[in-house]
Amino acid sequence: MSEGHKIGIPPGTLVHVGERKIEDVMIEAYVYDKDSFDHHPVVSLSELVLDPSKRTWIDVRGIHDDGIIREFGDRFGIHPLVLEDIMNSRQRPKIEEYEDYLFIVLKGILPLDDGYIMEHVSILLFSNLVITFQEVPENSFANLLERFEKSKGRIRADGSDYLVYAIIDTVVDRYFLVVENLSEKIEDLEYEIVENLTDGSLARIQMIKKDITEIRKTVNPHRDIAYKLERIENDLINDNTNIYIRDVYDHLVQIIENIDTYREILSGLLEIHLSNLSNKMNEVMKVLTVIATIFIPLSFIAGVFGMNFANMPELGWKYSYPITLFSMLFIGLIMMMFFRGKKWI
């Protein structure tokens, strides 16, 4: 469903907005502490038992089923407006603070061989519980699960807020991959424009420029999220986690600066492209002007001797025709040498 279909619907109504990217909703529960890690699929949310002595991460892949989303709201006391935003894949990235939890909306970018796709990611942070909602069937946080299983780093030792940081950091790291891909495309495009200009160069410039605008519009709000998350006064965020969140903020600033740099480079490439086209046109016009200039005196000679007056003595000469052709050729060569001496051609 599109945003336009929500006109007139009361706030908090659960309607999926966006493209359905998975057939059946998949729910996985990951239960862990410093010394143990276990995961299992969740068949029924009502049968899920949370261990208060451990931390739990519930990952939901698929946001189109309003019945399941409503069941999460009833089970964990989630506000209807939050549930609405979870199902709205067009929702802008943001962070909101509620009495018992934090709600964060992110936009993930999944790199592909021929481009990228956007992913709507929602995060709910409770005291010992993190719930994530992903839009695509692939688990975007598979690398985190590997760290859980191998107990790498602090991810199992620290609290749920560190897991939220790790999720945000994973999303931001993929931005770097997309930006690097854009950098390679711009380098290829720069070589093409300078060395081997083609008819499709302008279209490629506009396509990359469109991608850069869309990516910047996606990345920019996350800088505000990291800034607010670092400075939020909430018991759910440990002071020890703030330094890691600050690092994410620095990465986002770097990504945005790179994107702005690439946008300026593209503007410069566009100017070079238009300049090259103008130069090519000037070269064509110069050649045509030289040709026209050479033929002006030749046309004059042909016009003079093409007149049919009876008293033109040259018409009766035996060698008039070859002399006229030789004169035309001589004048043309002299003019060509003159133009070349002036470096006009």
C-alpha atoms as a PDB file:
ATOM      1  CA  MET A   1       0.000   0.000   0.000  1.00  0.00           C
ATOM      2  CA  SER A   2       1.142   3.560  -0.660  1.00  0.00           C
ATOM      3  CA  GLU A   3       1.039   6.532   1.709  1.00  0.00           C
ATOM      4  CA  GLY A   4      -1.908   7.940  -0.217  1.00  0.00           C
ATOM      5  CA  HIS A   5      -4.131   5.009   0.806  1.00  0.00           C
ATOM      6  CA  LYS A   6      -3.711   5.987   4.476  1.00  0.00           C
ATOM      7  CA  ILE A   7      -5.596   9.260   4.031  1.00  0.00           C
ATOM      8  CA  GLY A   8      -8.534   9.324   6.431  1.00  0.00           C
ATOM      9  CA  ILE A   9      -7.373   6.293   8.426  1.00  0.00           C
ATOM     10  CA  PRO A  10      -7.135   6.956  12.204  1.00  0.00           C
ATOM     11  CA  PRO A  11      -3.614   7.220  13.685  1.00  0.00           C
ATOM     12  CA  GLY A  12      -2.303   3.933  14.978  1.00  0.00           C
ATOM     13  CA  THR A  13      -4.126   1.846  12.376  1.00  0.00           C
ATOM     14  CA  LEU A  14      -1.888  -1.042  11.376  1.00  0.00           C
ATOM     15  CA  VAL A  15      -1.476  -0.916   7.617  1.00  0.00           C
ATOM     16  CA  HIS A  16       1.595  -2.107   5.765  1.00  0.00           C
ATOM     17  CA  VAL A  17       3.027   0.647   3.575  1.00  0.00           C
ATOM     18  CA  GLY A  18       5.570  -0.350   0.948  1.00  0.00           C
ATOM     19  CA  GLU A  19       6.535  -3.385  -1.071  1.00  0.00           C
ATOM     20  CA  ARG A  20       6.099  -6.836   0.421  1.00  0.00           C
ATOM     21  CA  LYS A  21       9.559  -8.429   0.263  1.00  0.00           C
ATOM     22  CA  ILE A  22       8.956 -11.721   2.089  1.00  0.00           C
ATOM     23  CA  GLU A  23       6.146 -14.251   1.952  1.00  0.00           C
ATOM     24  CA  ASP A  24       5.960 -15.523   5.544  1.00  0.00           C
ATOM     25  CA  VAL A  25       7.084 -13.722   8.673  1.00  0.00           C
ATOM     26  CA  MET A  26      10.072 -15.374  10.372  1.00  0.00           C
ATOM     27  CA  ILE A  27      10.799 -14.845  14.068  1.00  0.00           C
ATOM     28  CA  GLU A  28      14.000 -15.915  15.823  1.00  0.00           C
ATOM     29  CA  ALA A  29      14.846 -15.579  19.510  1.00  0.00           C
ATOM     30  CA  TYR A  30      18.449 -15.293  20.707  1.00  0.00           C
ATOM     31  CA  VAL A  31      19.009 -15.753  24.441  1.00  0.00           C
ATOM     32  CA  TYR A  32      22.456 -15.001  25.820  1.00  0.00           C
ATOM     33  CA  ASP A  33      24.639 -13.918  28.678  1.00  0.00           C
ATOM     34  CA  LYS A  34      28.394 -13.786  29.167  1.00  0.00           C
ATOM     35  CA  ASP A  35      28.747 -17.573  29.382  1.00  0.00           C
ATOM     36  CA  SER A  36      25.988 -18.933  27.136  1.00  0.00           C
ATOM     37  CA  PHE A  37      24.165 -18.391  23.871  1.00  0.00           C
ATOM     38  CA  ASP A  38      21.091 -20.107  22.471  1.00  0.00           C
ATOM     39  CA  HIS A  39      18.741 -19.389  19.596  1.00  0.00           C
ATOM     40  CA  HIS A  40      15.518 -20.937  18.348  1.00  0.00           C
ATOM     41  CA  PRO A  41      12.622 -20.043  16.062  1.00  0.00           C
ATOM     42  CA  VAL A  42       9.496 -18.575  17.647  1.00  0.00           C
ATOM     43  CA  VAL A  43       6.381 -20.377  16.462  1.00  0.00           C
ATOM     44  CA  SER A  44       3.960 -18.657  18.823  1.00  0.00           C
ATOM     45  CA  LEU A  45       4.657 -15.418  20.615  1.00  0.00           C
ATOM     46  CA  SER A  46       2.289 -16.367  23.413  1.00  0.00           C
ATOM     47  CA  GLU A  47       4.467 -19.385  24.246  1.00  0.00           C
ATOM     48  CA  LEU A  48       7.679 -17.358  24.350  1.00  0.00           C
ATOM     49  CA  VAL A  49       9.134 -17.276  27.853  1.00  0.00           C
ATOM     50  CA  LEU A  50      11.727 -14.619  28.684  1.00  0.00           C
ATOM     51  CA  ASP A  51      14.481 -15.529  31.123  1.00  0.00           C
ATOM     52  CA  PRO A  52      14.950 -12.498  33.424  1.00  0.00           C
ATOM     53  CA  SER A  53      18.492 -13.604  34.260  1.00  0.00           C
ATOM     54  CA  LYS A  54      19.570 -13.383  30.620  1.00  0.00           C
ATOM     55  CA  ARG A  55      19.216 -10.970  27.743  1.00  0.00           C
ATOM     56  CA  THR A  56      17.025 -11.716  24.741  1.00  0.00           C
ATOM     57  CA  TRP A  57      17.088 -10.528  21.165  1.00  0.00           C
ATOM     58  CA  ILE A  58      13.958 -11.203  19.109  1.00  0.00           C
ATOM     59  CA  ASP A  59      14.480 -10.721  15.388  1.00  0.00           C
ATOM     60  CA  VAL A  60      11.424 -10.452  13.129  1.00  0.00           C
ATOM     61  CA  ARG A  61      11.840 -10.660   9.362  1.00  0.00           C
ATOM     62  CA  GLY A  62       8.729  -9.436   7.582  1.00  0.00           C
ATOM     63  CA  ILE A  63       6.621  -6.389   8.554  1.00  0.00           C
ATOM     64  CA  HIS A  64       3.486  -6.930   6.448  1.00  0.00           C
ATOM     65  CA  ASP A  65       1.453  -9.101   8.861  1.00  0.00           C
ATOM     66  CA  ASP A  66      -0.622  -6.744  11.022  1.00  0.00           C
ATOM     67  CA  GLY A  67      -1.785  -9.625  13.225  1.00  0.00           C
ATOM     68  CA  ILE A  68       1.765 -10.509  14.307  1.00  0.00           C
ATOM     69  CA  ILE A  69       2.728  -6.856  14.770  1.00  0.00           C
ATOM     70  CA  ARG A  70      -0.375  -6.290  16.898  1.00  0.00           C
ATOM     71  CA  GLU A  71       0.499  -9.388  18.947  1.00  0.00           C
ATOM     72  CA  PHE A  72       3.914  -7.867  19.700  1.00  0.00           C
ATOM     73  CA  GLY A  73       2.212  -4.668  20.779  1.00  0.00           C
ATOM     74  CA  ASP A  74      -0.102  -6.498  23.153  1.00  0.00           C
ATOM     75  CA  ARG A  75       2.646  -8.709  24.575  1.00  0.00           C
ATOM     76  CA  PHE A  76       5.221  -5.973  25.248  1.00  0.00           C
ATOM     77  CA  GLY A  77       3.027  -2.902  25.690  1.00  0.00           C
ATOM     78  CA  ILE A  78       4.145  -1.126  22.516  1.00  0.00           C
ATOM     79  CA  HIS A  79       2.313   2.068  21.564  1.00  0.00           C
ATOM     80  CA  PRO A  80       0.014   1.799  18.493  1.00  0.00           C
ATOM     81  CA  LEU A  81       1.831   4.673  16.770  1.00  0.00           C
ATOM     82  CA  VAL A  82       5.094   2.752  17.137  1.00  0.00           C
ATOM     83  CA  LEU A  83       3.477  -0.336  15.627  1.00  0.00           C
ATOM     84  CA  GLU A  84       2.231   1.822  12.759  1.00  0.00           C
ATOM     85  CA  ASP A  85       5.748   3.113  12.100  1.00  0.00           C
ATOM     86  CA  ILE A  86       7.133  -0.438  12.173  1.00  0.00           C
ATOM     87  CA  MET A  87       4.814  -1.404   9.312  1.00  0.00           C
ATOM     88  CA  ASN A  88       5.484   1.777   7.341  1.00  0.00           C
ATOM     89  CA  SER A  89       8.593   1.179   5.214  1.00  0.00           C
ATOM     90  CA  ARG A  90       8.464   4.836   4.093  1.00  0.00           C
ATOM     91  CA  GLN A  91       8.933   6.081   7.658  1.00  0.00           C
ATOM     92  CA  ARG A  92      11.824   8.489   8.064  1.00  0.00           C
ATOM     93  CA  PRO A  93      14.711   7.392  10.371  1.00  0.00           C
ATOM     94  CA  LYS A  94      14.161   8.631  13.927  1.00  0.00           C
ATOM     95  CA  ILE A  95      14.533   7.889  17.622  1.00  0.00           C
ATOM     96  CA  GLU A  96      11.739   8.180  20.187  1.00  0.00           C
ATOM     97  CA  GLU A  97      11.787   7.731  23.949  1.00  0.00           C
ATOM     98  CA  TYR A  98       8.944   6.017  25.788  1.00  0.00           C
ATOM     99  CA  GLU A  99       8.479   5.108  29.416  1.00  0.00           C
ATOM    100  CA  ASP A 100       9.810   1.553  29.238  1.00  0.00           C
ATOM    101  CA  TYR A 101      11.655   1.447  25.926  1.00  0.00           C
ATOM    102  CA  LEU A 102      13.395   3.309  23.130  1.00  0.00           C
ATOM    103  CA  PHE A 103      12.151   3.123  19.561  1.00  0.00           C
ATOM    104  CA  ILE A 104      14.604   3.585  16.685  1.00  0.00           C
ATOM    105  CA  VAL A 105      13.913   3.524  12.953  1.00  0.00           C
ATOM    106  CA  LEU A 106      16.843   2.967  10.583  1.00  0.00           C
ATOM    107  CA  LYS A 107      17.237   2.682   6.829  1.00  0.00           C
ATOM    108  CA  GLY A 108      19.618  -0.071   5.881  1.00  0.00           C
ATOM    109  CA  ILE A 109      21.292  -0.248   2.488  1.00  0.00           C
ATOM    110  CA  LEU A 110      22.112  -3.697   1.173  1.00  0.00           C
ATOM    111  CA  PRO A 111      24.827  -3.562  -1.539  1.00  0.00           C
ATOM    112  CA  LEU A 112      24.236  -5.557  -4.737  1.00  0.00           C
ATOM    113  CA  ASP A 113      26.454  -6.233  -7.746  1.00  0.00           C
ATOM    114  CA  ASP A 114      24.489  -3.773  -9.884  1.00  0.00           C
ATOM    115  CA  GLY A 115      23.441  -1.308  -7.190  1.00  0.00           C
ATOM    116  CA  TYR A 116      21.701  -1.540  -3.826  1.00  0.00           C
ATOM    117  CA  ILE A 117      18.327  -1.951  -2.145  1.00  0.00           C
ATOM    118  CA  MET A 118      16.887  -0.071   0.808  1.00  0.00           C
ATOM    119  CA  GLU A 119      15.683  -1.848   3.931  1.00  0.00           C
ATOM    120  CA  HIS A 120      13.374  -0.593   6.678  1.00  0.00           C
ATOM    121  CA  VAL A 121      14.732  -1.587  10.121  1.00  0.00           C
ATOM    122  CA  SER A 122      12.980  -0.908  13.434  1.00  0.00           C
ATOM    123  CA  ILE A 123      14.543  -1.441  16.860  1.00  0.00           C
ATOM    124  CA  LEU A 124      12.902  -1.605  20.284  1.00  0.00           C
ATOM    125  CA  LEU A 125      15.226  -1.443  23.264  1.00  0.00           C
ATOM    126  CA  PHE A 126      13.898  -2.639  26.615  1.00  0.00           C
ATOM    127  CA  SER A 127      15.839  -3.342  29.808  1.00  0.00           C
ATOM    128  CA  ASN A 128      16.962  -6.878  28.948  1.00  0.00           C
ATOM    129  CA  LEU A 129      15.258  -7.218  25.587  1.00  0.00           C
ATOM    130  CA  VAL A 130      15.892  -6.017  22.044  1.00  0.00           C
ATOM    131  CA  ILE A 131      13.320  -6.505  19.283  1.00  0.00           C
ATOM    132  CA  THR A 132      14.280  -5.841  15.669  1.00  0.00           C
ATOM    133  CA  PHE A 133      11.987  -5.791  12.654  1.00  0.00           C
ATOM    134  CA  GLN A 134      13.565  -6.327   9.228  1.00  0.00           C
ATOM    135  CA  GLU A 135      11.886  -5.916   5.868  1.00  0.00           C
ATOM    136  CA  VAL A 136      13.830  -8.457   3.793  1.00  0.00           C
ATOM    137  CA  PRO A 137      14.105 -12.250   4.202  1.00  0.00           C
ATOM    138  CA  GLU A 138      17.905 -12.212   4.445  1.00  0.00           C
ATOM    139  CA  ASN A 139      19.230 -11.660   7.945  1.00  0.00           C
ATOM    140  CA  SER A 140      21.092  -8.360   7.702  1.00  0.00           C
ATOM    141  CA  PHE A 141      22.784  -8.999  11.047  1.00  0.00           C
ATOM    142  CA  ALA A 142      24.280 -12.417  10.349  1.00  0.00           C
ATOM    143  CA  ASN A 143      27.725 -11.102  11.283  1.00  0.00           C
ATOM    144  CA  LEU A 144      26.428 -10.268  14.761  1.00  0.00           C
ATOM    145  CA  LEU A 145      25.163 -13.817  15.195  1.00  0.00           C
ATOM    146  CA  GLU A 146      28.641 -15.076  14.363  1.00  0.00           C
ATOM    147  CA  ARG A 147      30.033 -12.861  17.104  1.00  0.00           C
ATOM    148  CA  PHE A 148      27.422 -14.215  19.512  1.00  0.00           C
ATOM    149  CA  GLU A 149      28.242 -17.829  18.692  1.00  0.00           C
ATOM    150  CA  LYS A 150      31.996 -17.314  18.991  1.00  0.00           C
ATOM    151  CA  SER A 151      31.672 -14.909  21.913  1.00  0.00           C
ATOM    152  CA  LYS A 152      33.779 -12.310  20.138  1.00  0.00           C
ATOM    153  CA  GLY A 153      34.229  -8.934  21.770  1.00  0.00           C
ATOM    154  CA  ARG A 154      31.832  -7.427  24.291  1.00  0.00           C
ATOM    155  CA  ILE A 155      28.565  -8.289  22.591  1.00  0.00           C
ATOM    156  CA  ARG A 156      27.616 -11.042  25.059  1.00  0.00           C
ATOM    157  CA  ALA A 157      29.193  -9.486  28.122  1.00  0.00           C
ATOM    158  CA  ASP A 158      27.587  -6.039  27.853  1.00  0.00           C
ATOM    159  CA  GLY A 159      23.955  -5.048  28.105  1.00  0.00           C
ATOM    160  CA  SER A 160      21.194  -4.806  25.523  1.00  0.00           C
ATOM    161  CA  ASP A 161      22.196  -1.211  24.738  1.00  0.00           C
ATOM    162  CA  TYR A 162      25.505  -2.506  23.358  1.00  0.00           C
ATOM    163  CA  LEU A 163      23.587  -4.864  21.069  1.00  0.00           C
ATOM    164  CA  VAL A 164      21.598  -1.881  19.754  1.00  0.00           C
ATOM    165  CA  TYR A 165      24.884  -0.063  19.141  1.00  0.00           C
ATOM    166  CA  ALA A 166      26.206  -3.121  17.264  1.00  0.00           C
ATOM    167  CA  ILE A 167      23.072  -3.217  15.086  1.00  0.00           C
ATOM    168  CA  ILE A 168      23.374   0.485  14.225  1.00  0.00           C
ATOM    169  CA  ASP A 169      27.090   0.045  13.556  1.00  0.00           C
ATOM    170  CA  THR A 170      26.349  -2.810  11.139  1.00  0.00           C
ATOM    171  CA  VAL A 171      23.896  -0.628   9.244  1.00  0.00           C
ATOM    172  CA  VAL A 172      26.450   2.203   9.059  1.00  0.00           C
ATOM    173  CA  ASP A 173      29.245  -0.120   7.909  1.00  0.00           C
ATOM    174  CA  ARG A 174      27.142  -1.062   4.879  1.00  0.00           C
ATOM    175  CA  TYR A 175      26.942   2.622   4.011  1.00  0.00           C
ATOM    176  CA  PHE A 176      30.716   2.545   3.595  1.00  0.00           C
ATOM    177  CA  LEU A 177      30.410  -0.328   1.106  1.00  0.00           C
ATOM    178  CA  VAL A 178      27.837   1.549  -0.961  1.00  0.00           C
ATOM    179  CA  VAL A 179      29.882   4.763  -0.884  1.00  0.00           C
ATOM    180  CA  GLU A 180      33.013   2.876  -1.979  1.00  0.00           C
ATOM    181  CA  ASN A 181      31.023   1.400  -4.852  1.00  0.00           C
ATOM    182  CA  LEU A 182      29.956   4.903  -5.854  1.00  0.00           C
ATOM    183  CA  SER A 183      33.569   6.044  -5.676  1.00  0.00           C
ATOM    184  CA  GLU A 184      34.622   3.320  -8.139  1.00  0.00           C
ATOM    185  CA  LYS A 185      31.809   4.253 -10.516  1.00  0.00           C
ATOM    186  CA  ILE A 186      32.804   7.914 -10.389  1.00  0.00           C
ATOM    187  CA  GLU A 187      36.451   7.055 -11.111  1.00  0.00           C
ATOM    188  CA  ASP A 188      35.412   4.992 -14.149  1.00  0.00           C
ATOM    189  CA  LEU A 189      33.115   7.781 -15.277  1.00  0.00           C
ATOM    190  CA  GLU A 190      35.876  10.352 -14.870  1.00  0.00           C
ATOM    191  CA  TYR A 191      38.220   8.305 -17.084  1.00  0.00           C
ATOM    192  CA  GLU A 192      35.443   7.853 -19.634  1.00  0.00           C
ATOM    193  CA  ILE A 193      34.665  11.562 -19.843  1.00  0.00           C
ATOM    194  CA  VAL A 194      38.294  12.664 -20.058  1.00  0.00           C
ATOM    195  CA  GLU A 195      39.661   9.896 -22.291  1.00  0.00           C
ATOM    196  CA  ASN A 196      36.793   8.300 -24.176  1.00  0.00           C
ATOM    197  CA  LEU A 197      33.590  10.327 -24.130  1.00  0.00           C
ATOM    198  CA  THR A 198      30.514   8.335 -25.210  1.00  0.00           C
ATOM    199  CA  ASP A 199      26.880   9.163 -25.849  1.00  0.00           C
ATOM    200  CA  GLY A 200      25.839   7.439 -22.614  1.00  0.00           C
ATOM    201  CA  SER A 201      28.143   9.458 -20.348  1.00  0.00           C
ATOM    202  CA  LEU A 202      25.535  12.094 -19.530  1.00  0.00           C
ATOM    203  CA  ALA A 203      22.955   9.448 -18.625  1.00  0.00           C
ATOM    204  CA  ARG A 204      25.450   7.746 -16.293  1.00  0.00           C
ATOM    205  CA  ILE A 205      26.285  11.064 -14.625  1.00  0.00           C
ATOM    206  CA  GLN A 206      22.606  11.707 -13.956  1.00  0.00           C
ATOM    207  CA  MET A 207      22.070   8.147 -12.677  1.00  0.00           C
ATOM    208  CA  ILE A 208      24.964   8.320 -10.194  1.00  0.00           C
ATOM    209  CA  LYS A 209      23.902  11.811  -9.146  1.00  0.00           C
ATOM    210  CA  LYS A 210      20.425  10.478  -8.416  1.00  0.00           C
ATOM    211  CA  ASP A 211      21.884   7.612  -6.365  1.00  0.00           C
ATOM    212  CA  ILE A 212      24.058  10.029  -4.385  1.00  0.00           C
ATOM    213  CA  THR A 213      21.082  12.276  -3.623  1.00  0.00           C
ATOM    214  CA  GLU A 214      19.000   9.310  -2.447  1.00  0.00           C
ATOM    215  CA  ILE A 215      21.815   7.868  -0.323  1.00  0.00           C
ATOM    216  CA  ARG A 216      22.544  11.216   1.306  1.00  0.00           C
ATOM    217  CA  LYS A 217      18.863  11.685   2.075  1.00  0.00           C
ATOM    218  CA  THR A 218      18.925   8.240   3.696  1.00  0.00           C
ATOM    219  CA  VAL A 219      22.164   8.631   5.647  1.00  0.00           C
ATOM    220  CA  ASN A 220      21.746  12.190   6.928  1.00  0.00           C
ATOM    221  CA  PRO A 221      18.967  11.518   9.525  1.00  0.00           C
ATOM    222  CA  HIS A 222      21.064   8.768  11.106  1.00  0.00           C
ATOM    223  CA  ARG A 223      23.608  11.365  12.165  1.00  0.00           C
ATOM    224  CA  ASP A 224      20.872  13.031  14.238  1.00  0.00           C
ATOM    225  CA  ILE A 225      19.894   9.650  15.682  1.00  0.00           C
ATOM    226  CA  ALA A 226      23.469   8.931  16.800  1.00  0.00           C
ATOM    227  CA  TYR A 227      23.771  12.455  18.216  1.00  0.00           C
ATOM    228  CA  LYS A 228      20.555  12.114  20.251  1.00  0.00           C
ATOM    229  CA  LEU A 229      21.337   8.559  21.344  1.00  0.00           C
ATOM    230  CA  GLU A 230      24.730   9.616  22.674  1.00  0.00           C
ATOM    231  CA  ARG A 231      23.231  12.448  24.739  1.00  0.00           C
ATOM    232  CA  ILE A 232      19.971  10.844  25.803  1.00  0.00           C
ATOM    233  CA  GLU A 233      19.423  10.660  29.565  1.00  0.00           C
ATOM    234  CA  ASN A 234      17.882   7.245  29.920  1.00  0.00           C
ATOM    235  CA  ASP A 235      18.743   4.293  32.139  1.00  0.00           C
ATOM    236  CA  LEU A 236      18.491   1.992  29.113  1.00  0.00           C
ATOM    237  CA  ILE A 237      21.721   3.490  27.713  1.00  0.00           C
ATOM    238  CA  ASN A 238      24.828   2.771  29.757  1.00  0.00           C
ATOM    239  CA  ASP A 239      27.521   5.450  29.948  1.00  0.00           C
ATOM    240  CA  ASN A 240      30.104   2.935  28.735  1.00  0.00           C
ATOM    241  CA  THR A 241      28.166   2.525  25.487  1.00  0.00           C
ATOM    242  CA  ASN A 242      28.198   6.250  24.688  1.00  0.00           C
ATOM    243  CA  ILE A 243      31.788   6.189  23.471  1.00  0.00           C
ATOM    244  CA  TYR A 244      30.867   3.540  20.874  1.00  0.00           C
ATOM    245  CA  ILE A 245      27.832   5.510  19.772  1.00  0.00           C
ATOM    246  CA  ARG A 246      30.100   8.541  19.396  1.00  0.00           C
ATOM    247  CA  ASP A 247      32.257   6.460  17.053  1.00  0.00           C
ATOM    248  CA  VAL A 248      29.184   5.682  14.930  1.00  0.00           C
ATOM    249  CA  TYR A 249      28.441   9.395  14.808  1.00  0.00           C
ATOM    250  CA  ASP A 250      31.980  10.078  13.539  1.00  0.00           C
ATOM    251  CA  HIS A 251      31.547   7.426  10.851  1.00  0.00           C
ATOM    252  CA  LEU A 252      28.288   8.996   9.708  1.00  0.00           C
ATOM    253  CA  VAL A 253      29.914  12.423   9.503  1.00  0.00           C
ATOM    254  CA  GLN A 254      32.716  10.915   7.396  1.00  0.00           C
ATOM    255  CA  ILE A 255      30.229   9.188   5.079  1.00  0.00           C
ATOM    256  CA  ILE A 256      28.230  12.382   4.569  1.00  0.00           C
ATOM    257  CA  GLU A 257      31.421  14.339   3.850  1.00  0.00           C
ATOM    258  CA  ASN A 258      32.445  11.710   1.283  1.00  0.00           C
ATOM    259  CA  ILE A 259      29.023  11.862  -0.337  1.00  0.00           C
ATOM    260  CA  ASP A 260      29.205  15.665  -0.538  1.00  0.00           C
ATOM    261  CA  THR A 261      32.668  15.382  -2.093  1.00  0.00           C
ATOM    262  CA  TYR A 262      31.413  12.916  -4.686  1.00  0.00           C
ATOM    263  CA  ARG A 263      28.499  15.194  -5.470  1.00  0.00           C
ATOM    264  CA  GLU A 264      30.904  18.062  -6.131  1.00  0.00           C
ATOM    265  CA  ILE A 265      33.059  15.796  -8.299  1.00  0.00           C
ATOM    266  CA  LEU A 266      29.983  14.809 -10.299  1.00  0.00           C
ATOM    267  CA  SER A 267      29.064  18.465 -10.786  1.00  0.00           C
ATOM    268  CA  GLY A 268      32.598  19.049 -12.083  1.00  0.00           C
ATOM    269  CA  LEU A 269      32.336  16.023 -14.389  1.00  0.00           C
ATOM    270  CA  LEU A 270      29.039  17.336 -15.711  1.00  0.00           C
ATOM    271  CA  GLU A 271      30.681  20.674 -16.509  1.00  0.00           C
ATOM    272  CA  ILE A 272      33.593  18.864 -18.206  1.00  0.00           C
ATOM    273  CA  HIS A 273      31.147  16.770 -20.192  1.00  0.00           C
ATOM    274  CA  LEU A 274      29.213  19.822 -21.375  1.00  0.00           C
ATOM    275  CA  SER A 275      32.500  21.596 -22.120  1.00  0.00           C
ATOM    276  CA  ASN A 276      33.676  18.618 -24.190  1.00  0.00           C
ATOM    277  CA  LEU A 277      30.440  18.629 -26.136  1.00  0.00           C
ATOM    278  CA  SER A 278      30.829  22.360 -26.738  1.00  0.00           C
ATOM    279  CA  ASN A 279      34.431  21.870 -27.865  1.00  0.00           C
ATOM    280  CA  LYS A 280      33.380  19.126 -30.254  1.00  0.00           C
ATOM    281  CA  MET A 281      30.718  21.396 -31.679  1.00  0.00           C
ATOM    282  CA  ASN A 282      33.267  24.186 -32.031  1.00  0.00           C
ATOM    283  CA  GLU A 283      35.611  21.829 -33.890  1.00  0.00           C
ATOM    284  CA  VAL A 284      32.839  20.862 -36.285  1.00  0.00           C
ATOM    285  CA  MET A 285      31.874  24.489 -36.823  1.00  0.00           C
ATOM    286  CA  LYS A 286      35.521  25.422 -37.386  1.00  0.00           C
ATOM    287  CA  VAL A 287      35.952  22.767 -40.082  1.00  0.00           C
ATOM    288  CA  LEU A 288      32.735  23.788 -41.776  1.00  0.00           C
ATOM    289  CA  THR A 289      33.753  27.454 -41.629  1.00  0.00           C
ATOM    290  CA  VAL A 290      37.163  26.687 -43.158  1.00  0.00           C
ATOM    291  CA  ILE A 291      35.544  24.686 -45.958  1.00  0.00           C
ATOM    292  CA  ALA A 292      33.025  27.449 -46.613  1.00  0.00           C
ATOM    293  CA  THR A 293      35.765  30.088 -46.572  1.00  0.00           C
ATOM    294  CA  ILE A 294      37.884  28.149 -49.069  1.00  0.00           C
ATOM    295  CA  PHE A 295      34.972  27.770 -51.447  1.00  0.00           C
ATOM    296  CA  ILE A 296      34.036  31.455 -51.385  1.00  0.00           C
ATOM    297  CA  PRO A 297      36.791  32.543 -53.872  1.00  0.00           C
ATOM    298  CA  LEU A 298      36.330  29.337 -55.847  1.00  0.00           C
ATOM    299  CA  SER A 299      32.644  30.035 -56.152  1.00  0.00           C
ATOM    300  CA  PHE A 300      33.498  33.578 -57.224  1.00  0.00           C
ATOM    301  CA  ILE A 301      35.754  32.279 -60.015  1.00  0.00           C
ATOM    302  CA  ALA A 302      33.187  29.731 -61.096  1.00  0.00           C
ATOM    303  CA  GLY A 303      30.530  32.432 -61.056  1.00  0.00           C
ATOM    304  CA  VAL A 304      32.591  34.836 -63.160  1.00  0.00           C
ATOM    305  CA  PHE A 305      33.423  32.299 -65.846  1.00  0.00           C
ATOM    306  CA  GLY A 306      29.957  30.884 -65.726  1.00  0.00           C
ATOM    307  CA  MET A 307      28.499  34.114 -67.094  1.00  0.00           C
ATOM    308  CA  ASN A 308      27.276  33.942 -70.700  1.00  0.00           C
ATOM    309  CA  PHE A 309      28.306  37.350 -72.022  1.00  0.00           C
ATOM    310  CA  ALA A 310      29.295  37.337 -75.693  1.00  0.00           C
ATOM    311  CA  ASN A 311      32.335  39.591 -75.253  1.00  0.00           C
ATOM    312  CA  MET A 312      34.257  37.527 -72.682  1.00  0.00           C
ATOM    313  CA  PRO A 313      37.632  36.881 -74.363  1.00  0.00           C
ATOM    314  CA  GLU A 314      38.593  34.108 -71.893  1.00  0.00           C
ATOM    315  CA  LEU A 315      35.775  31.919 -73.232  1.00  0.00           C
ATOM    316  CA  GLY A 316      37.596  31.530 -76.524  1.00  0.00           C
ATOM    317  CA  TRP A 317      40.977  30.619 -75.089  1.00  0.00           C
ATOM    318  CA  LYS A 318      42.199  27.111 -75.721  1.00  0.00           C
ATOM    319  CA  TYR A 319      43.496  26.550 -72.188  1.00  0.00           C
ATOM    320  CA  SER A 320      40.853  28.514 -70.245  1.00  0.00           C
ATOM    321  CA  TYR A 321      39.388  25.435 -68.514  1.00  0.00           C
ATOM    322  CA  PRO A 322      42.634  23.908 -67.174  1.00  0.00           C
ATOM    323  CA  ILE A 323      43.925  27.353 -66.200  1.00  0.00           C
ATOM    324  CA  THR A 324      40.713  28.001 -64.221  1.00  0.00           C
ATOM    325  CA  LEU A 325      40.890  24.625 -62.434  1.00  0.00           C
ATOM    326  CA  PHE A 326      44.570  25.137 -61.653  1.00  0.00           C
ATOM    327  CA  SER A 327      43.817  28.624 -60.279  1.00  0.00           C
ATOM    328  CA  MET A 328      41.072  27.206 -58.043  1.00  0.00           C
ATOM    329  CA  LEU A 329      43.391  24.487 -56.751  1.00  0.00           C
ATOM    330  CA  PHE A 330      46.212  26.966 -56.183  1.00  0.00           C
ATOM    331  CA  ILE A 331      43.962  29.395 -54.277  1.00  0.00           C
ATOM    332  CA  GLY A 332      42.585  26.536 -52.139  1.00  0.00           C
ATOM    333  CA  LEU A 333      46.085  25.324 -51.241  1.00  0.00           C
ATOM    334  CA  ILE A 334      47.281  28.835 -50.426  1.00  0.00           C
ATOM    335  CA  MET A 335      44.277  29.359 -48.127  1.00  0.00           C
ATOM    336  CA  MET A 336      44.831  25.983 -46.433  1.00  0.00           C
ATOM    337  CA  MET A 337      48.478  26.881 -45.769  1.00  0.00           C
ATOM    338  CA  PHE A 338      47.404  30.263 -44.420  1.00  0.00           C
ATOM    339  CA  PHE A 339      44.828  28.715 -42.041  1.00  0.00           C
ATOM    340  CA  ARG A 340      47.323  26.135 -40.846  1.00  0.00           C
ATOM    341  CA  GLY A 341      49.933  28.842 -40.278  1.00  0.00           C
ATOM    342  CA  LYS A 342      47.369  30.688 -38.101  1.00  0.00           C
ATOM    343  CA  LYS A 343      46.630  27.347 -36.334  1.00  0.00           C
ATOM    344  CA  TRP A 344      42.975  27.617 -37.189  1.00  0.00           C
ATOM    345  CA  ILE A 345      42.969  24.043 -38.374  1.00  0.00           C
END
